[in-house]
Amino acid sequence: MKIVQEVSLISKGSFAESQEWAVIQNEIRRGIELIVWPPGASNFTINPTRNGNGVKAIKDACMAALKDDFGWQLETPINYATRAPGRIDATKTLDNDLFALEWETGNISSSHRAVNKLVLGLLRGVILGSALVLPSRRLYPYLTDRIGNYEELEPYFDVWRAVNLTEGFLAIFVVEHDAIDSNVPRITKGTDGRALI
């Protein structure tokens, strides 16, 4: 799978220039690059059936890479000092802080909740850096109906950029297929989409 865009949505303080971010950014990139389809392939080829492919297996492939290859923790509970908005998909412990990653598998409302969860963590000081991964509009038609995607979320970026922070970081990674082929199997729920190349 490939990354077609990286956006620094919030960047307050020095985290964006840190060695920690350079390492994390490379780990996220590598986790995404390791996602292949069909299993055993060297890239990510999607069957272009409209709304024909599941999304959980794609996320799970990246999560497995982050956990197994780079030591991330998955499904991390976070104490927000109020009612928690749910577990974080993946976290990486920094020296004295936490980096949080969410991978979008729901509809556009779910995308808004994911960003709000990350921004709330920044506001409360429980995470220092964060990232959201979501599909491009080109990948969107072939995934579960109404999946959240970059182009639908982008009009709201100014809202999150206006959040009053002295320190905090939020990046957006936009992912897309490498190729289209109607002869490859569709991605179904529970299918392992990761294979080492």
C-alpha atoms as a PDB file:
ATOM      1  CA  MET A   1       0.000   0.000   0.000  1.00  0.00           C
ATOM      2  CA  LYS A   2       1.209   3.507  -0.656  1.00  0.00           C
ATOM      3  CA  ILE A   3       0.945   6.866   1.079  1.00  0.00           C
ATOM      4  CA  VAL A   4      -0.241   9.551  -1.328  1.00  0.00           C
ATOM      5  CA  GLN A   5      -0.246  12.473   1.099  1.00  0.00           C
ATOM      6  CA  GLU A   6       1.036  13.439   4.531  1.00  0.00           C
ATOM      7  CA  VAL A   7      -0.453  16.499   6.196  1.00  0.00           C
ATOM      8  CA  SER A   8       0.739  18.187   9.367  1.00  0.00           C
ATOM      9  CA  LEU A   9      -2.642  19.226  10.739  1.00  0.00           C
ATOM     10  CA  ILE A  10      -1.414  20.507  14.122  1.00  0.00           C
ATOM     11  CA  SER A  11       2.214  21.265  14.899  1.00  0.00           C
ATOM     12  CA  LYS A  12       2.864  23.253  18.072  1.00  0.00           C
ATOM     13  CA  GLY A  13       6.173  23.047  19.881  1.00  0.00           C
ATOM     14  CA  SER A  14       9.275  21.195  18.756  1.00  0.00           C
ATOM     15  CA  PHE A  15       7.983  17.637  18.266  1.00  0.00           C
ATOM     16  CA  ALA A  16       7.835  17.878  14.460  1.00  0.00           C
ATOM     17  CA  GLU A  17      11.595  18.533  14.399  1.00  0.00           C
ATOM     18  CA  SER A  18      12.496  15.817  16.898  1.00  0.00           C
ATOM     19  CA  GLN A  19      14.334  12.561  16.319  1.00  0.00           C
ATOM     20  CA  GLU A  20      11.404  10.785  18.001  1.00  0.00           C
ATOM     21  CA  TRP A  21       9.043  11.963  15.266  1.00  0.00           C
ATOM     22  CA  ALA A  22      11.513  10.990  12.542  1.00  0.00           C
ATOM     23  CA  VAL A  23      11.606   7.435  13.940  1.00  0.00           C
ATOM     24  CA  ILE A  24       7.828   7.207  14.405  1.00  0.00           C
ATOM     25  CA  GLN A  25       7.139   8.635  10.958  1.00  0.00           C
ATOM     26  CA  ASN A  26       9.397   6.008   9.381  1.00  0.00           C
ATOM     27  CA  GLU A  27       7.718   3.236  11.383  1.00  0.00           C
ATOM     28  CA  ILE A  28       4.244   4.350  10.268  1.00  0.00           C
ATOM     29  CA  ARG A  29       5.411   4.591   6.669  1.00  0.00           C
ATOM     30  CA  ARG A  30       6.937   1.123   6.843  1.00  0.00           C
ATOM     31  CA  GLY A  31       3.834  -0.329   8.500  1.00  0.00           C
ATOM     32  CA  ILE A  32       1.728   0.973   5.621  1.00  0.00           C
ATOM     33  CA  GLU A  33       4.193  -0.188   2.958  1.00  0.00           C
ATOM     34  CA  LEU A  34       4.054  -3.726   4.381  1.00  0.00           C
ATOM     35  CA  ILE A  35       0.340  -4.025   3.597  1.00  0.00           C
ATOM     36  CA  VAL A  36      -0.045  -6.191   0.496  1.00  0.00           C
ATOM     37  CA  TRP A  37      -2.951  -7.803  -1.295  1.00  0.00           C
ATOM     38  CA  PRO A  38      -3.482 -10.563  -2.201  1.00  0.00           C
ATOM     39  CA  PRO A  39      -1.363 -12.380   0.412  1.00  0.00           C
ATOM     40  CA  GLY A  40       2.093 -13.137  -0.943  1.00  0.00           C
ATOM     41  CA  ALA A  41       2.027 -10.245  -3.417  1.00  0.00           C
ATOM     42  CA  SER A  42       4.670  -7.526  -3.472  1.00  0.00           C
ATOM     43  CA  ASN A  43       2.173  -4.633  -3.512  1.00  0.00           C
ATOM     44  CA  PHE A  44      -1.436  -3.795  -2.709  1.00  0.00           C
ATOM     45  CA  THR A  45      -3.828  -4.528  -5.565  1.00  0.00           C
ATOM     46  CA  ILE A  46      -7.526  -4.012  -4.981  1.00  0.00           C
ATOM     47  CA  ASN A  47     -10.505  -5.544  -6.707  1.00  0.00           C
ATOM     48  CA  PRO A  48     -12.421  -2.539  -8.102  1.00  0.00           C
ATOM     49  CA  THR A  49     -15.852  -3.771  -7.001  1.00  0.00           C
ATOM     50  CA  ARG A  50     -17.823  -0.823  -5.651  1.00  0.00           C
ATOM     51  CA  ASN A  51     -18.123  -1.140  -1.850  1.00  0.00           C
ATOM     52  CA  GLY A  52     -16.722  -4.640  -2.313  1.00  0.00           C
ATOM     53  CA  ASN A  53     -13.740  -4.763   0.060  1.00  0.00           C
ATOM     54  CA  GLY A  54     -13.489  -4.861   3.826  1.00  0.00           C
ATOM     55  CA  VAL A  55     -11.339  -2.414   5.754  1.00  0.00           C
ATOM     56  CA  LYS A  56     -10.553  -4.152   9.039  1.00  0.00           C
ATOM     57  CA  ALA A  57      -7.991  -6.490   7.475  1.00  0.00           C
ATOM     58  CA  ILE A  58      -6.129  -3.520   5.994  1.00  0.00           C
ATOM     59  CA  LYS A  59      -5.926  -1.812   9.383  1.00  0.00           C
ATOM     60  CA  ASP A  60      -4.978  -5.069  11.123  1.00  0.00           C
ATOM     61  CA  ALA A  61      -2.083  -5.571   8.731  1.00  0.00           C
ATOM     62  CA  CYS A  62      -0.552  -2.224   9.675  1.00  0.00           C
ATOM     63  CA  MET A  63      -1.228  -2.779  13.377  1.00  0.00           C
ATOM     64  CA  ALA A  64       0.555  -6.146  13.217  1.00  0.00           C
ATOM     65  CA  ALA A  65       3.582  -4.525  11.603  1.00  0.00           C
ATOM     66  CA  LEU A  66       3.727  -1.741  14.188  1.00  0.00           C
ATOM     67  CA  LYS A  67       3.425  -4.201  17.078  1.00  0.00           C
ATOM     68  CA  ASP A  68       5.637  -7.020  15.816  1.00  0.00           C
ATOM     69  CA  ASP A  69       8.329  -5.032  14.025  1.00  0.00           C
ATOM     70  CA  PHE A  70       8.475  -1.818  16.066  1.00  0.00           C
ATOM     71  CA  GLY A  71       7.104  -2.588  19.527  1.00  0.00           C
ATOM     72  CA  TRP A  72       3.933  -0.479  19.478  1.00  0.00           C
ATOM     73  CA  GLN A  73       1.091  -1.283  21.880  1.00  0.00           C
ATOM     74  CA  LEU A  74      -2.342  -1.957  20.403  1.00  0.00           C
ATOM     75  CA  GLU A  75      -5.800  -1.034  21.711  1.00  0.00           C
ATOM     76  CA  THR A  76      -4.332   1.175  24.416  1.00  0.00           C
ATOM     77  CA  PRO A  77      -6.637   2.506  27.139  1.00  0.00           C
ATOM     78  CA  ILE A  78      -5.860   6.159  27.917  1.00  0.00           C
ATOM     79  CA  ASN A  79      -6.823   8.112  31.019  1.00  0.00           C
ATOM     80  CA  TYR A  80      -8.273  11.425  29.823  1.00  0.00           C
ATOM     81  CA  ALA A  81      -9.214  12.508  33.372  1.00  0.00           C
ATOM     82  CA  THR A  82     -12.845  12.312  32.260  1.00  0.00           C
ATOM     83  CA  ARG A  83     -14.891   9.572  30.658  1.00  0.00           C
ATOM     84  CA  ALA A  84     -12.548   7.953  28.148  1.00  0.00           C
ATOM     85  CA  PRO A  85     -13.558   8.284  24.467  1.00  0.00           C
ATOM     86  CA  GLY A  86     -12.346   4.747  23.737  1.00  0.00           C
ATOM     87  CA  ARG A  87      -9.080   2.915  23.259  1.00  0.00           C
ATOM     88  CA  ILE A  88      -6.385   4.173  20.899  1.00  0.00           C
ATOM     89  CA  ASP A  89      -5.627   1.821  17.975  1.00  0.00           C
ATOM     90  CA  ALA A  90      -1.849   1.946  18.537  1.00  0.00           C
ATOM     91  CA  THR A  91       0.530   3.831  20.824  1.00  0.00           C
ATOM     92  CA  LYS A  92       4.270   4.245  21.079  1.00  0.00           C
ATOM     93  CA  THR A  93       5.904   5.211  24.365  1.00  0.00           C
ATOM     94  CA  LEU A  94       8.314   8.118  24.131  1.00  0.00           C
ATOM     95  CA  ASP A  95      10.715   9.226  26.882  1.00  0.00           C
ATOM     96  CA  ASN A  96       8.091  10.893  29.042  1.00  0.00           C
ATOM     97  CA  ASP A  97       5.135  11.012  26.674  1.00  0.00           C
ATOM     98  CA  LEU A  98       2.940   8.967  24.378  1.00  0.00           C
ATOM     99  CA  PHE A  99       2.330   8.961  20.623  1.00  0.00           C
ATOM    100  CA  ALA A 100      -1.125   7.829  19.465  1.00  0.00           C
ATOM    101  CA  LEU A 101      -2.228   6.453  16.088  1.00  0.00           C
ATOM    102  CA  GLU A 102      -5.765   5.888  14.828  1.00  0.00           C
ATOM    103  CA  TRP A 103      -6.609   4.016  11.594  1.00  0.00           C
ATOM    104  CA  GLU A 104     -10.004   4.893  10.139  1.00  0.00           C
ATOM    105  CA  THR A 105     -12.318   1.922   9.535  1.00  0.00           C
ATOM    106  CA  GLY A 106     -15.699   3.605  10.001  1.00  0.00           C
ATOM    107  CA  ASN A 107     -17.823   6.243   8.307  1.00  0.00           C
ATOM    108  CA  ILE A 108     -17.094   9.969   8.170  1.00  0.00           C
ATOM    109  CA  SER A 109     -18.654  10.464  11.617  1.00  0.00           C
ATOM    110  CA  SER A 110     -16.166   7.926  12.934  1.00  0.00           C
ATOM    111  CA  SER A 111     -13.366   9.952  11.304  1.00  0.00           C
ATOM    112  CA  HIS A 112     -14.476  13.047  13.200  1.00  0.00           C
ATOM    113  CA  ARG A 113     -14.578  11.073  16.461  1.00  0.00           C
ATOM    114  CA  ALA A 114     -11.075   9.719  15.811  1.00  0.00           C
ATOM    115  CA  VAL A 115      -9.623  13.203  15.272  1.00  0.00           C
ATOM    116  CA  ASN A 116     -11.504  14.558  18.284  1.00  0.00           C
ATOM    117  CA  LYS A 117     -10.153  11.719  20.431  1.00  0.00           C
ATOM    118  CA  LEU A 118      -6.601  12.584  19.394  1.00  0.00           C
ATOM    119  CA  VAL A 119      -7.090  16.339  19.840  1.00  0.00           C
ATOM    120  CA  LEU A 120      -8.633  15.790  23.272  1.00  0.00           C
ATOM    121  CA  GLY A 121      -5.556  13.762  24.216  1.00  0.00           C
ATOM    122  CA  LEU A 122      -3.360  16.671  23.107  1.00  0.00           C
ATOM    123  CA  LEU A 123      -5.463  19.179  25.035  1.00  0.00           C
ATOM    124  CA  ARG A 124      -5.366  17.078  28.203  1.00  0.00           C
ATOM    125  CA  GLY A 125      -1.621  16.520  27.874  1.00  0.00           C
ATOM    126  CA  VAL A 126      -1.923  12.727  27.881  1.00  0.00           C
ATOM    127  CA  ILE A 127      -0.366  12.424  24.431  1.00  0.00           C
ATOM    128  CA  LEU A 128       2.289  14.583  22.793  1.00  0.00           C
ATOM    129  CA  GLY A 129       1.982  13.454  19.188  1.00  0.00           C
ATOM    130  CA  SER A 130      -0.662  11.707  17.132  1.00  0.00           C
ATOM    131  CA  ALA A 131      -1.597  10.576  13.647  1.00  0.00           C
ATOM    132  CA  LEU A 132      -4.660   9.457  11.723  1.00  0.00           C
ATOM    133  CA  VAL A 133      -4.517   7.144   8.711  1.00  0.00           C
ATOM    134  CA  LEU A 134      -7.421   7.177   6.281  1.00  0.00           C
ATOM    135  CA  PRO A 135      -8.096   6.279   2.650  1.00  0.00           C
ATOM    136  CA  SER A 136      -7.995   8.618  -0.309  1.00  0.00           C
ATOM    137  CA  ARG A 137     -11.061   9.387  -2.367  1.00  0.00           C
ATOM    138  CA  ARG A 138      -9.631   7.138  -5.100  1.00  0.00           C
ATOM    139  CA  LEU A 139      -9.559   4.121  -2.763  1.00  0.00           C
ATOM    140  CA  TYR A 140     -12.855   4.994  -1.087  1.00  0.00           C
ATOM    141  CA  PRO A 141     -15.284   3.593  -3.742  1.00  0.00           C
ATOM    142  CA  TYR A 142     -13.840   0.073  -3.438  1.00  0.00           C
ATOM    143  CA  LEU A 143     -14.118  -0.145   0.356  1.00  0.00           C
ATOM    144  CA  THR A 144     -17.028  -0.564   2.754  1.00  0.00           C
ATOM    145  CA  ASP A 145     -19.838   1.828   1.867  1.00  0.00           C
ATOM    146  CA  ARG A 146     -19.440   5.361   3.267  1.00  0.00           C
ATOM    147  CA  ILE A 147     -15.988   4.778   4.751  1.00  0.00           C
ATOM    148  CA  GLY A 148     -14.412   7.973   6.033  1.00  0.00           C
ATOM    149  CA  ASN A 149     -11.886   9.454   3.628  1.00  0.00           C
ATOM    150  CA  TYR A 150      -9.481  12.365   3.380  1.00  0.00           C
ATOM    151  CA  GLU A 151     -11.431  14.542   0.982  1.00  0.00           C
ATOM    152  CA  GLU A 152     -14.566  14.450   3.157  1.00  0.00           C
ATOM    153  CA  LEU A 153     -12.622  15.286   6.315  1.00  0.00           C
ATOM    154  CA  GLU A 154     -10.439  18.040   4.846  1.00  0.00           C
ATOM    155  CA  PRO A 155     -13.058  20.857   4.950  1.00  0.00           C
ATOM    156  CA  TYR A 156     -13.000  20.664   8.766  1.00  0.00           C
ATOM    157  CA  PHE A 157      -9.232  20.974   9.205  1.00  0.00           C
ATOM    158  CA  ASP A 158      -9.446  24.656  10.152  1.00  0.00           C
ATOM    159  CA  VAL A 159     -11.565  23.724  13.189  1.00  0.00           C
ATOM    160  CA  TRP A 160      -8.822  21.498  14.606  1.00  0.00           C
ATOM    161  CA  ARG A 161      -6.046  23.877  13.601  1.00  0.00           C
ATOM    162  CA  ALA A 162      -7.751  26.554  15.712  1.00  0.00           C
ATOM    163  CA  VAL A 163      -7.427  24.505  18.915  1.00  0.00           C
ATOM    164  CA  ASN A 164      -5.386  26.453  21.475  1.00  0.00           C
ATOM    165  CA  LEU A 165      -2.285  24.366  22.181  1.00  0.00           C
ATOM    166  CA  THR A 166       1.234  25.335  23.198  1.00  0.00           C
ATOM    167  CA  GLU A 167       2.527  21.851  22.467  1.00  0.00           C
ATOM    168  CA  GLY A 168       1.027  19.075  20.384  1.00  0.00           C
ATOM    169  CA  PHE A 169       1.266  17.350  17.021  1.00  0.00           C
ATOM    170  CA  LEU A 170      -1.270  15.689  14.704  1.00  0.00           C
ATOM    171  CA  ALA A 171      -0.426  14.281  11.274  1.00  0.00           C
ATOM    172  CA  ILE A 172      -2.727  12.794   8.638  1.00  0.00           C
ATOM    173  CA  PHE A 173      -1.546   9.927   6.415  1.00  0.00           C
ATOM    174  CA  VAL A 174      -3.625   9.330   3.287  1.00  0.00           C
ATOM    175  CA  VAL A 175      -3.342   5.816   1.851  1.00  0.00           C
ATOM    176  CA  GLU A 176      -4.207   4.278  -1.483  1.00  0.00           C
ATOM    177  CA  HIS A 177      -3.909   1.079  -3.474  1.00  0.00           C
ATOM    178  CA  ASP A 178      -0.910   0.443  -5.732  1.00  0.00           C
ATOM    179  CA  ALA A 179      -2.967  -1.153  -8.503  1.00  0.00           C
ATOM    180  CA  ILE A 180      -6.465  -2.254  -9.553  1.00  0.00           C
ATOM    181  CA  ASP A 181      -7.291  -5.728 -10.874  1.00  0.00           C
ATOM    182  CA  SER A 182     -10.747  -7.297 -11.067  1.00  0.00           C
ATOM    183  CA  ASN A 183      -9.119 -10.745 -10.969  1.00  0.00           C
ATOM    184  CA  VAL A 184      -7.770 -10.434  -7.413  1.00  0.00           C
ATOM    185  CA  PRO A 185     -10.026 -11.626  -4.603  1.00  0.00           C
ATOM    186  CA  ARG A 186     -11.994  -9.075  -2.656  1.00  0.00           C
ATOM    187  CA  ILE A 187     -10.863  -8.299   0.887  1.00  0.00           C
ATOM    188  CA  THR A 188     -13.293  -9.788   3.357  1.00  0.00           C
ATOM    189  CA  LYS A 189     -13.682  -9.290   7.100  1.00  0.00           C
ATOM    190  CA  GLY A 190     -11.099 -11.193   9.076  1.00  0.00           C
ATOM    191  CA  THR A 191      -8.743 -11.786   6.155  1.00  0.00           C
ATOM    192  CA  ASP A 192      -5.060 -11.350   6.901  1.00  0.00           C
ATOM    193  CA  GLY A 193      -3.890  -8.607   4.548  1.00  0.00           C
ATOM    194  CA  ARG A 194      -0.248  -8.559   5.611  1.00  0.00           C
ATOM    195  CA  ALA A 195       2.527 -10.553   4.038  1.00  0.00           C
ATOM    196  CA  LEU A 196       6.211  -9.832   4.338  1.00  0.00           C
ATOM    197  CA  ILE A 197       7.908  -9.017   1.053  1.00  0.00           C
END
